[in-house]
N, C-alpha and C. Protein backbone atom coordinates (compact mmCIF):
# COMPACT_ATOMS: atom_id res chain seq x y z
N MET A 1 56.92 231.26 106.66
CA MET A 1 56.05 230.15 106.28
C MET A 1 55.91 230.13 104.76
N GLU A 2 56.18 228.97 104.15
CA GLU A 2 56.08 228.84 102.69
C GLU A 2 54.61 228.74 102.29
N GLU A 3 54.26 229.32 101.13
CA GLU A 3 52.91 229.19 100.62
C GLU A 3 52.92 228.33 99.37
N LYS A 4 51.77 227.70 99.09
CA LYS A 4 51.65 226.88 97.90
C LYS A 4 51.59 227.78 96.68
N LYS A 5 52.40 227.46 95.65
CA LYS A 5 52.39 228.28 94.43
C LYS A 5 53.06 227.54 93.29
N GLY A 6 53.21 228.24 92.13
CA GLY A 6 53.85 227.67 90.95
C GLY A 6 52.81 227.14 89.98
N THR A 7 52.94 227.50 88.69
CA THR A 7 51.91 227.02 87.76
C THR A 7 52.14 227.44 86.32
N THR A 8 51.39 226.82 85.41
CA THR A 8 51.20 227.32 84.05
C THR A 8 49.72 227.16 83.72
N THR A 9 49.06 228.25 83.33
CA THR A 9 47.67 228.18 82.92
C THR A 9 47.50 228.86 81.56
N ILE A 10 46.45 228.45 80.84
CA ILE A 10 46.18 228.99 79.50
C ILE A 10 44.68 229.20 79.34
N GLY A 11 44.31 230.30 78.68
CA GLY A 11 42.95 230.51 78.21
C GLY A 11 43.02 230.87 76.74
N LEU A 12 42.21 230.22 75.90
CA LEU A 12 42.32 230.39 74.45
C LEU A 12 40.93 230.36 73.82
N ILE A 13 40.69 231.29 72.89
CA ILE A 13 39.41 231.34 72.18
C ILE A 13 39.51 230.50 70.91
N ALA A 14 38.60 229.53 70.81
CA ALA A 14 38.47 228.71 69.61
C ALA A 14 37.20 229.13 68.86
N LYS A 15 36.84 228.41 67.84
CA LYS A 15 35.60 228.70 67.11
C LYS A 15 34.41 228.32 67.99
N ASP A 16 33.66 229.31 68.42
CA ASP A 16 32.44 229.10 69.22
C ASP A 16 32.70 228.44 70.58
N ALA A 17 33.87 228.64 71.15
CA ALA A 17 34.18 228.07 72.47
C ALA A 17 35.43 228.73 73.02
N VAL A 18 35.62 228.57 74.33
CA VAL A 18 36.87 228.99 74.95
C VAL A 18 37.42 227.77 75.70
N VAL A 19 38.73 227.59 75.63
CA VAL A 19 39.39 226.44 76.26
C VAL A 19 40.33 226.94 77.36
N LEU A 20 40.22 226.34 78.54
CA LEU A 20 41.11 226.63 79.67
C LEU A 20 41.95 225.40 79.95
N ALA A 21 43.22 225.61 80.32
CA ALA A 21 44.10 224.49 80.63
C ALA A 21 45.10 224.87 81.72
N ALA A 22 45.52 223.87 82.48
CA ALA A 22 46.53 224.10 83.52
C ALA A 22 47.20 222.78 83.86
N GLU A 23 48.49 222.85 84.22
CA GLU A 23 49.12 221.67 84.81
C GLU A 23 48.72 221.63 86.29
N GLN A 24 49.12 220.58 87.01
CA GLN A 24 48.53 220.39 88.34
C GLN A 24 49.54 220.23 89.48
N LYS A 25 50.73 220.82 89.31
CA LYS A 25 51.73 220.77 90.37
C LYS A 25 51.66 222.03 91.23
N SER A 26 51.68 221.87 92.55
CA SER A 26 51.84 223.03 93.42
C SER A 26 53.05 222.81 94.31
N THR A 27 53.78 223.89 94.58
CA THR A 27 55.03 223.79 95.34
C THR A 27 54.98 224.63 96.60
N MET A 28 55.79 224.23 97.57
CA MET A 28 56.03 225.02 98.78
C MET A 28 57.54 225.13 98.91
N GLY A 29 58.08 226.27 98.43
CA GLY A 29 59.54 226.39 98.39
C GLY A 29 60.10 225.39 97.40
N TYR A 30 61.00 224.53 97.88
CA TYR A 30 61.61 223.52 97.01
C TYR A 30 60.91 222.17 97.11
N MET A 31 59.79 222.12 97.81
CA MET A 31 59.05 220.88 97.96
C MET A 31 57.81 220.88 97.07
N ILE A 32 57.55 219.74 96.42
CA ILE A 32 56.30 219.60 95.67
C ILE A 32 55.20 219.28 96.67
N ASP A 33 54.25 220.18 96.80
CA ASP A 33 53.16 219.99 97.76
C ASP A 33 52.10 219.05 97.20
N SER A 34 51.78 219.19 95.90
CA SER A 34 50.75 218.35 95.28
C SER A 34 51.06 218.16 93.81
N LYS A 35 50.75 216.95 93.32
CA LYS A 35 50.90 216.66 91.88
C LYS A 35 49.56 216.70 91.17
N VAL A 36 48.49 216.92 91.93
CA VAL A 36 47.14 216.93 91.35
C VAL A 36 46.34 218.13 91.86
N ALA A 37 46.99 219.29 91.96
CA ALA A 37 46.31 220.49 92.45
C ALA A 37 45.31 221.00 91.41
N GLN A 38 44.16 221.45 91.89
CA GLN A 38 43.14 222.02 91.00
C GLN A 38 43.47 223.48 90.73
N LYS A 39 43.52 223.84 89.44
CA LYS A 39 43.86 225.22 89.07
C LYS A 39 42.83 225.84 88.12
N ILE A 40 41.79 225.08 87.78
CA ILE A 40 40.67 225.62 87.00
C ILE A 40 39.40 225.40 87.81
N PHE A 41 38.61 226.46 87.94
CA PHE A 41 37.39 226.39 88.75
C PHE A 41 36.19 226.88 87.95
N GLN A 42 35.08 226.18 88.07
CA GLN A 42 33.83 226.63 87.47
C GLN A 42 33.19 227.63 88.41
N LEU A 43 32.94 228.85 87.92
CA LEU A 43 32.33 229.88 88.74
C LEU A 43 30.82 229.92 88.55
N ASP A 44 30.36 229.60 87.35
CA ASP A 44 28.95 229.59 87.00
C ASP A 44 28.78 228.60 85.86
N GLY A 45 27.56 228.45 85.37
CA GLY A 45 27.33 227.48 84.30
C GLY A 45 28.05 227.80 83.02
N HIS A 46 28.49 229.06 82.86
CA HIS A 46 29.10 229.49 81.60
C HIS A 46 30.42 230.24 81.81
N ILE A 47 30.98 230.17 83.01
CA ILE A 47 32.21 230.92 83.32
C ILE A 47 33.18 230.06 84.11
N GLY A 48 34.47 230.14 83.75
CA GLY A 48 35.52 229.44 84.48
C GLY A 48 36.66 230.39 84.81
N LEU A 49 37.52 229.97 85.73
CA LEU A 49 38.64 230.79 86.20
C LEU A 49 39.86 229.91 86.40
N THR A 50 41.02 230.37 85.88
CA THR A 50 42.28 229.69 86.21
C THR A 50 43.00 230.51 87.26
N ILE A 51 43.80 229.82 88.07
CA ILE A 51 44.55 230.50 89.13
C ILE A 51 46.04 230.26 88.98
N ALA A 52 46.83 231.29 89.27
CA ALA A 52 48.29 231.17 89.33
C ALA A 52 48.77 232.05 90.48
N GLY A 53 49.70 231.53 91.27
CA GLY A 53 50.21 232.29 92.40
C GLY A 53 49.85 231.63 93.71
N SER A 54 49.60 232.43 94.73
CA SER A 54 49.30 231.92 96.07
C SER A 54 47.96 231.18 96.08
N VAL A 55 47.98 229.93 96.47
CA VAL A 55 46.76 229.11 96.46
C VAL A 55 45.73 229.63 97.46
N GLY A 56 46.18 230.01 98.65
CA GLY A 56 45.25 230.51 99.65
C GLY A 56 44.51 231.75 99.19
N ASP A 57 45.24 232.70 98.59
CA ASP A 57 44.61 233.91 98.06
C ASP A 57 43.63 233.57 96.94
N ALA A 58 44.06 232.67 96.06
CA ALA A 58 43.22 232.31 94.91
C ALA A 58 41.91 231.66 95.34
N LEU A 59 41.98 230.75 96.31
CA LEU A 59 40.77 230.07 96.77
C LEU A 59 39.81 231.04 97.45
N ALA A 60 40.34 232.05 98.12
CA ALA A 60 39.48 233.08 98.71
C ALA A 60 38.73 233.83 97.62
N ILE A 61 39.40 234.14 96.52
CA ILE A 61 38.76 234.81 95.39
C ILE A 61 37.71 233.91 94.76
N VAL A 62 38.02 232.63 94.59
CA VAL A 62 37.05 231.68 94.00
C VAL A 62 35.78 231.63 94.84
N ARG A 63 35.92 231.52 96.17
CA ARG A 63 34.74 231.48 97.04
C ARG A 63 33.93 232.77 96.94
N LEU A 64 34.62 233.91 96.92
CA LEU A 64 33.95 235.20 96.84
C LEU A 64 33.20 235.36 95.52
N LEU A 65 33.86 235.01 94.42
CA LEU A 65 33.22 235.15 93.10
C LEU A 65 32.02 234.23 92.95
N LYS A 66 32.14 232.99 93.42
CA LYS A 66 31.00 232.06 93.33
C LYS A 66 29.79 232.61 94.07
N ALA A 67 30.03 233.15 95.24
CA ALA A 67 28.94 233.71 96.04
C ALA A 67 28.32 234.92 95.35
N GLN A 68 29.17 235.82 94.82
CA GLN A 68 28.67 237.03 94.16
C GLN A 68 27.89 236.70 92.89
N LEU A 69 28.37 235.71 92.14
CA LEU A 69 27.68 235.33 90.90
C LEU A 69 26.33 234.67 91.19
N LYS A 70 26.25 233.92 92.29
CA LYS A 70 24.96 233.34 92.70
C LYS A 70 23.96 234.42 93.08
N LEU A 71 24.42 235.40 93.84
CA LEU A 71 23.55 236.52 94.22
C LEU A 71 23.08 237.29 92.99
N PHE A 72 24.00 237.55 92.07
CA PHE A 72 23.66 238.27 90.84
C PHE A 72 22.59 237.51 90.06
N LYS A 73 22.77 236.19 89.95
CA LYS A 73 21.83 235.36 89.18
C LYS A 73 20.43 235.38 89.81
N LEU A 74 20.37 235.35 91.14
CA LEU A 74 19.08 235.40 91.84
C LEU A 74 18.35 236.72 91.58
N GLU A 75 19.12 237.81 91.52
CA GLU A 75 18.52 239.13 91.38
C GLU A 75 18.27 239.53 89.93
N ARG A 76 19.19 239.17 89.04
CA ARG A 76 19.11 239.69 87.67
C ARG A 76 19.24 238.66 86.57
N GLY A 77 19.49 237.40 86.90
CA GLY A 77 19.75 236.39 85.88
C GLY A 77 21.24 236.20 85.68
N PRO A 78 21.62 235.35 84.72
CA PRO A 78 23.05 235.06 84.50
C PRO A 78 23.87 236.30 84.17
N ILE A 79 25.03 236.40 84.76
CA ILE A 79 25.92 237.53 84.53
C ILE A 79 26.65 237.35 83.20
N THR A 80 26.98 238.47 82.53
CA THR A 80 27.81 238.37 81.32
C THR A 80 29.26 238.10 81.73
N VAL A 81 30.02 237.58 80.81
CA VAL A 81 31.44 237.29 81.10
C VAL A 81 32.19 238.59 81.38
N LYS A 82 31.89 239.64 80.60
CA LYS A 82 32.57 240.93 80.81
C LYS A 82 32.23 241.50 82.18
N ALA A 83 30.98 241.38 82.62
CA ALA A 83 30.59 241.89 83.93
C ALA A 83 31.29 241.10 85.04
N ALA A 84 31.44 239.79 84.86
CA ALA A 84 32.16 238.98 85.85
C ALA A 84 33.62 239.39 85.92
N ALA A 85 34.23 239.69 84.77
CA ALA A 85 35.62 240.17 84.73
C ALA A 85 35.74 241.52 85.42
N THR A 86 34.77 242.40 85.20
CA THR A 86 34.77 243.71 85.85
C THR A 86 34.63 243.57 87.36
N LEU A 87 33.77 242.64 87.80
CA LEU A 87 33.61 242.37 89.23
C LEU A 87 34.93 241.92 89.85
N LEU A 88 35.61 240.97 89.21
CA LEU A 88 36.90 240.50 89.71
C LEU A 88 37.92 241.64 89.73
N SER A 89 37.92 242.45 88.68
CA SER A 89 38.83 243.60 88.62
C SER A 89 38.58 244.54 89.79
N ASN A 90 37.32 244.82 90.09
CA ASN A 90 36.99 245.72 91.20
C ASN A 90 37.41 245.15 92.55
N ILE A 91 37.22 243.85 92.73
CA ILE A 91 37.63 243.19 93.99
C ILE A 91 39.15 243.32 94.17
N LEU A 92 39.90 243.04 93.11
CA LEU A 92 41.37 243.10 93.18
C LEU A 92 41.86 244.53 93.39
N GLN A 93 41.24 245.48 92.69
CA GLN A 93 41.62 246.88 92.84
C GLN A 93 41.32 247.37 94.26
N GLY A 94 40.22 246.92 94.84
CA GLY A 94 39.85 247.32 96.19
C GLY A 94 40.77 246.76 97.25
N SER A 95 41.59 245.79 96.88
CA SER A 95 42.53 245.17 97.83
C SER A 95 43.98 245.51 97.50
N LYS A 96 44.20 246.60 96.76
CA LYS A 96 45.55 246.84 96.24
C LYS A 96 46.60 247.12 97.32
N TYR A 97 46.18 247.57 98.51
CA TYR A 97 47.16 247.81 99.56
C TYR A 97 47.56 246.53 100.28
N PHE A 98 46.70 245.52 100.21
CA PHE A 98 47.00 244.17 100.69
C PHE A 98 46.58 243.21 99.58
N PRO A 99 47.33 243.19 98.48
CA PRO A 99 46.84 242.52 97.27
C PRO A 99 46.80 240.99 97.37
N TYR A 100 45.89 240.43 96.60
CA TYR A 100 45.88 238.98 96.37
C TYR A 100 47.06 238.68 95.44
N MET A 101 47.92 237.74 95.84
CA MET A 101 49.15 237.48 95.08
C MET A 101 48.89 236.45 93.99
N ASN A 102 48.15 236.90 92.98
CA ASN A 102 47.71 235.98 91.93
C ASN A 102 47.65 236.65 90.56
N GLN A 103 47.65 235.78 89.55
CA GLN A 103 47.21 236.13 88.20
C GLN A 103 46.03 235.21 87.90
N PHE A 104 45.02 235.76 87.24
CA PHE A 104 43.85 234.96 86.90
C PHE A 104 43.56 235.05 85.41
N ILE A 105 42.98 233.99 84.87
CA ILE A 105 42.35 234.06 83.55
C ILE A 105 40.88 233.73 83.78
N LEU A 106 40.02 234.69 83.47
CA LEU A 106 38.57 234.48 83.57
C LEU A 106 38.03 234.36 82.15
N ALA A 107 37.27 233.31 81.90
CA ALA A 107 36.79 233.06 80.55
C ALA A 107 35.38 232.48 80.59
N GLY A 108 34.67 232.66 79.49
CA GLY A 108 33.32 232.11 79.45
C GLY A 108 32.66 232.32 78.12
N TYR A 109 31.39 231.96 78.07
CA TYR A 109 30.61 232.07 76.84
C TYR A 109 29.24 232.63 77.18
N ASP A 110 28.88 233.79 76.58
CA ASP A 110 27.50 234.26 76.65
C ASP A 110 27.00 234.35 75.21
N LYS A 111 27.13 235.49 74.56
CA LYS A 111 26.78 235.54 73.14
C LYS A 111 27.92 235.02 72.27
N GLU A 112 29.13 235.08 72.82
CA GLU A 112 30.33 234.61 72.13
C GLU A 112 31.38 234.26 73.19
N PRO A 113 32.44 233.54 72.80
CA PRO A 113 33.48 233.22 73.78
C PRO A 113 34.32 234.44 74.11
N SER A 114 34.70 234.58 75.38
CA SER A 114 35.54 235.69 75.83
C SER A 114 36.60 235.19 76.80
N VAL A 115 37.76 235.84 76.79
CA VAL A 115 38.82 235.48 77.73
C VAL A 115 39.50 236.76 78.22
N TYR A 116 39.73 236.84 79.53
CA TYR A 116 40.33 238.02 80.17
C TYR A 116 41.49 237.57 81.05
N SER A 117 42.63 238.21 80.88
CA SER A 117 43.78 237.96 81.75
C SER A 117 43.86 239.08 82.77
N MET A 118 43.95 238.70 84.06
CA MET A 118 43.84 239.67 85.15
C MET A 118 45.12 239.70 85.98
N ASP A 119 45.67 240.91 86.19
CA ASP A 119 46.86 241.01 87.04
C ASP A 119 46.43 241.20 88.51
N PRO A 120 47.38 241.15 89.45
CA PRO A 120 47.00 241.20 90.88
C PRO A 120 46.27 242.46 91.32
N LEU A 121 46.40 243.57 90.56
CA LEU A 121 45.72 244.81 90.94
C LEU A 121 44.44 245.06 90.15
N GLY A 122 44.02 244.06 89.37
CA GLY A 122 42.75 244.16 88.68
C GLY A 122 42.80 244.64 87.26
N GLY A 123 43.99 244.91 86.74
CA GLY A 123 44.10 245.30 85.34
C GLY A 123 43.81 244.10 84.45
N PHE A 124 42.98 244.30 83.41
CA PHE A 124 42.75 243.17 82.51
C PHE A 124 42.78 243.59 81.06
N ASP A 125 43.11 242.61 80.22
CA ASP A 125 43.31 242.84 78.80
C ASP A 125 42.29 242.02 78.02
N VAL A 126 41.72 242.61 76.97
CA VAL A 126 40.72 241.91 76.17
C VAL A 126 41.07 241.90 74.68
N LYS A 127 42.32 242.23 74.38
CA LYS A 127 42.68 242.39 72.97
C LYS A 127 43.12 241.09 72.31
N ASP A 128 43.53 240.10 73.08
CA ASP A 128 44.13 238.92 72.49
C ASP A 128 43.18 237.73 72.51
N LYS A 129 43.52 236.71 71.72
CA LYS A 129 42.70 235.51 71.64
C LYS A 129 43.21 234.41 72.55
N PHE A 130 44.38 234.61 73.16
CA PHE A 130 44.90 233.63 74.12
C PHE A 130 45.79 234.31 75.13
N TYR A 131 45.84 233.72 76.32
CA TYR A 131 46.69 234.21 77.40
C TYR A 131 47.27 233.03 78.16
N SER A 132 48.42 233.26 78.77
CA SER A 132 49.00 232.28 79.68
C SER A 132 49.50 233.02 80.92
N THR A 133 49.35 232.40 82.08
CA THR A 133 49.85 233.01 83.32
C THR A 133 50.69 232.00 84.08
N GLY A 134 51.40 232.52 85.09
CA GLY A 134 52.20 231.66 85.95
C GLY A 134 53.64 231.57 85.51
N SER A 135 54.41 230.84 86.31
CA SER A 135 55.86 230.78 86.11
C SER A 135 56.25 230.13 84.78
N GLY A 136 55.39 229.26 84.25
CA GLY A 136 55.71 228.58 82.99
C GLY A 136 55.17 229.28 81.76
N SER A 137 54.53 230.44 81.95
CA SER A 137 53.88 231.11 80.81
C SER A 137 54.83 231.51 79.68
N PRO A 138 56.09 231.93 79.95
CA PRO A 138 56.96 232.27 78.82
C PRO A 138 57.18 231.09 77.87
N PHE A 139 57.24 229.88 78.42
CA PHE A 139 57.44 228.69 77.58
C PHE A 139 56.16 228.33 76.84
N ALA A 140 55.02 228.44 77.51
CA ALA A 140 53.73 228.17 76.87
C ALA A 140 53.47 229.15 75.74
N TYR A 141 53.80 230.43 75.97
CA TYR A 141 53.58 231.45 74.94
C TYR A 141 54.33 231.14 73.65
N GLY A 142 55.53 230.56 73.76
CA GLY A 142 56.29 230.21 72.56
C GLY A 142 55.51 229.28 71.65
N THR A 143 54.89 228.27 72.24
CA THR A 143 54.08 227.32 71.47
C THR A 143 52.81 227.98 70.94
N LEU A 144 52.14 228.76 71.81
CA LEU A 144 50.89 229.40 71.41
C LEU A 144 51.12 230.39 70.26
N GLU A 145 52.16 231.21 70.37
CA GLU A 145 52.44 232.20 69.33
C GLU A 145 52.73 231.53 67.98
N ALA A 146 53.41 230.40 68.02
CA ALA A 146 53.81 229.73 66.78
C ALA A 146 52.65 228.98 66.12
N GLU A 147 51.70 228.49 66.92
CA GLU A 147 50.74 227.54 66.35
C GLU A 147 49.27 227.96 66.44
N PHE A 148 48.96 229.06 67.13
CA PHE A 148 47.56 229.49 67.21
C PHE A 148 47.05 229.96 65.86
N LYS A 149 45.80 229.59 65.55
CA LYS A 149 45.13 230.05 64.34
C LYS A 149 43.74 230.54 64.71
N GLU A 150 43.24 231.53 63.99
CA GLU A 150 41.88 232.02 64.21
C GLU A 150 40.87 230.90 63.90
N ASN A 151 39.78 230.88 64.66
CA ASN A 151 38.68 229.93 64.43
C ASN A 151 39.12 228.46 64.45
N MET A 152 40.01 228.12 65.37
CA MET A 152 40.40 226.72 65.53
C MET A 152 39.21 225.90 66.03
N THR A 153 39.13 224.66 65.60
CA THR A 153 38.12 223.77 66.17
C THR A 153 38.46 223.52 67.64
N VAL A 154 37.48 223.11 68.42
CA VAL A 154 37.74 222.81 69.83
C VAL A 154 38.79 221.72 69.94
N ASP A 155 38.70 220.72 69.08
CA ASP A 155 39.66 219.61 69.09
C ASP A 155 41.09 220.12 68.88
N ASP A 156 41.27 220.98 67.88
CA ASP A 156 42.60 221.54 67.60
C ASP A 156 43.07 222.45 68.73
N ALA A 157 42.13 223.20 69.32
CA ALA A 157 42.48 224.11 70.42
C ALA A 157 42.93 223.32 71.65
N VAL A 158 42.23 222.24 71.95
CA VAL A 158 42.63 221.39 73.09
C VAL A 158 44.00 220.79 72.83
N ALA A 159 44.23 220.31 71.62
CA ALA A 159 45.55 219.74 71.28
C ALA A 159 46.65 220.79 71.48
N LEU A 160 46.38 222.03 71.08
CA LEU A 160 47.38 223.10 71.21
C LEU A 160 47.66 223.45 72.66
N VAL A 161 46.61 223.61 73.48
CA VAL A 161 46.86 223.98 74.88
C VAL A 161 47.57 222.86 75.64
N VAL A 162 47.25 221.61 75.31
CA VAL A 162 47.95 220.49 75.94
C VAL A 162 49.43 220.50 75.55
N LYS A 163 49.71 220.76 74.28
CA LYS A 163 51.10 220.84 73.82
C LYS A 163 51.84 221.99 74.52
N ALA A 164 51.17 223.14 74.65
CA ALA A 164 51.80 224.30 75.29
C ALA A 164 52.07 224.04 76.77
N ILE A 165 51.13 223.40 77.45
CA ILE A 165 51.33 223.06 78.87
C ILE A 165 52.48 222.07 79.01
N ARG A 166 52.53 221.08 78.13
CA ARG A 166 53.63 220.09 78.20
C ARG A 166 54.99 220.75 77.96
N THR A 167 55.03 221.72 77.07
CA THR A 167 56.28 222.46 76.82
C THR A 167 56.73 223.17 78.09
N ALA A 168 55.78 223.80 78.78
CA ALA A 168 56.11 224.50 80.04
C ALA A 168 56.59 223.52 81.10
N ILE A 169 55.93 222.37 81.19
CA ILE A 169 56.32 221.35 82.17
C ILE A 169 57.76 220.91 81.96
N GLU A 170 58.17 220.81 80.69
CA GLU A 170 59.53 220.37 80.36
C GLU A 170 60.59 221.36 80.82
N ARG A 171 60.26 222.67 80.85
CA ARG A 171 61.27 223.70 81.09
C ARG A 171 61.11 224.50 82.37
N ASP A 172 59.90 224.53 82.94
CA ASP A 172 59.65 225.37 84.12
C ASP A 172 59.66 224.53 85.38
N ILE A 173 60.50 224.92 86.34
CA ILE A 173 60.64 224.14 87.58
C ILE A 173 59.36 224.19 88.44
N GLY A 174 58.54 225.24 88.26
CA GLY A 174 57.33 225.37 89.06
C GLY A 174 56.11 224.70 88.46
N SER A 175 56.27 224.08 87.28
CA SER A 175 55.15 223.44 86.60
C SER A 175 55.38 221.95 86.49
N GLY A 176 54.30 221.18 86.58
CA GLY A 176 54.44 219.73 86.47
C GLY A 176 53.18 219.02 86.92
N GLY A 177 53.35 217.93 87.62
CA GLY A 177 52.21 217.16 88.09
C GLY A 177 51.93 215.95 87.21
N LYS A 178 50.99 215.14 87.65
CA LYS A 178 50.67 213.90 86.95
C LYS A 178 49.71 214.12 85.79
N GLU A 179 48.87 215.12 85.89
CA GLU A 179 47.81 215.31 84.90
C GLU A 179 47.77 216.75 84.42
N ILE A 180 47.06 216.96 83.29
CA ILE A 180 46.73 218.30 82.81
C ILE A 180 45.23 218.45 82.92
N GLN A 181 44.80 219.59 83.45
CA GLN A 181 43.37 219.88 83.61
C GLN A 181 42.92 220.76 82.43
N VAL A 182 41.84 220.36 81.76
CA VAL A 182 41.32 221.12 80.62
C VAL A 182 39.81 221.26 80.75
N ALA A 183 39.31 222.47 80.53
CA ALA A 183 37.87 222.74 80.52
C ALA A 183 37.51 223.46 79.23
N VAL A 184 36.32 223.15 78.72
CA VAL A 184 35.79 223.80 77.51
C VAL A 184 34.48 224.48 77.89
N ILE A 185 34.30 225.72 77.45
CA ILE A 185 33.06 226.45 77.70
C ILE A 185 32.50 226.90 76.35
N ASP A 186 31.28 226.48 76.04
CA ASP A 186 30.63 226.87 74.79
C ASP A 186 29.16 227.17 75.07
N LYS A 187 28.34 227.20 74.04
CA LYS A 187 26.92 227.56 74.21
C LYS A 187 26.18 226.57 75.12
N ASN A 188 26.73 225.37 75.27
CA ASN A 188 26.12 224.37 76.15
C ASN A 188 26.61 224.47 77.59
N GLY A 189 27.55 225.38 77.85
CA GLY A 189 28.03 225.60 79.20
C GLY A 189 29.43 225.06 79.44
N TYR A 190 29.76 224.94 80.72
CA TYR A 190 31.10 224.55 81.18
C TYR A 190 31.19 223.03 81.28
N ARG A 191 32.26 222.47 80.74
CA ARG A 191 32.51 221.04 80.95
C ARG A 191 34.01 220.80 81.07
N GLU A 192 34.36 219.90 81.96
CA GLU A 192 35.77 219.56 82.14
C GLU A 192 36.05 218.24 81.43
N LEU A 193 37.17 218.17 80.73
CA LEU A 193 37.52 216.95 80.01
C LEU A 193 38.07 215.92 80.99
N SER A 194 37.67 214.68 80.81
CA SER A 194 38.13 213.60 81.68
C SER A 194 39.52 213.14 81.26
N LYS A 195 40.15 212.34 82.12
CA LYS A 195 41.45 211.75 81.77
C LYS A 195 41.34 210.95 80.49
N GLN A 196 40.21 210.24 80.33
CA GLN A 196 39.97 209.44 79.14
C GLN A 196 39.89 210.32 77.90
N ASP A 197 39.18 211.46 78.02
CA ASP A 197 39.05 212.41 76.91
C ASP A 197 40.44 212.91 76.47
N LEU A 198 41.31 213.16 77.46
CA LEU A 198 42.61 213.78 77.18
C LEU A 198 43.65 212.80 76.65
N LYS A 199 43.36 211.51 76.75
CA LYS A 199 44.35 210.50 76.32
C LYS A 199 44.71 210.66 74.86
N LYS A 200 43.75 211.05 74.03
CA LYS A 200 44.03 211.15 72.59
C LYS A 200 44.95 212.32 72.25
N TYR A 201 45.14 213.24 73.22
CA TYR A 201 46.01 214.38 72.98
C TYR A 201 47.42 214.13 73.48
């Protein structure tokens, strides 16, 4: 049985914000299953998650994290981004014998913007200012490495991630779709850019 998969996702730290982006094609073998698949999810008011890999596994993680973050908020208040990343890491590590077949980028804003790239066994990296996952990530990384600058404005960061996603769409067979999904998380919380917002990019 074929599973839904294929993607390019990006998480990037800008000046006082973090930007998430993904194309919206999902595939089942050689068939395009959807041209408007959702690959960025809001987990809390200040945290988002991108998914790459098996859609079924990823959605199970999204449901689990949303529930855990709600419980945490009821008991202790809003979770930090690092604690949310550690929680996801622990969930993935606890399932290593029957792993979730995914790569995730978890990002958010508490005192400052943070971005974490997570492998299927829960290993995560915090050293870089941008990450890309999925089958199109090698192509996206080429654009990001060449054009990323420290303290980019949100406008410039959105323009860069859109360019990097479009580069991946041009070259990666698993990436595509009709639209690009972009979310920005800053001190005011999580917001997703509309199609109208993205037209200028």
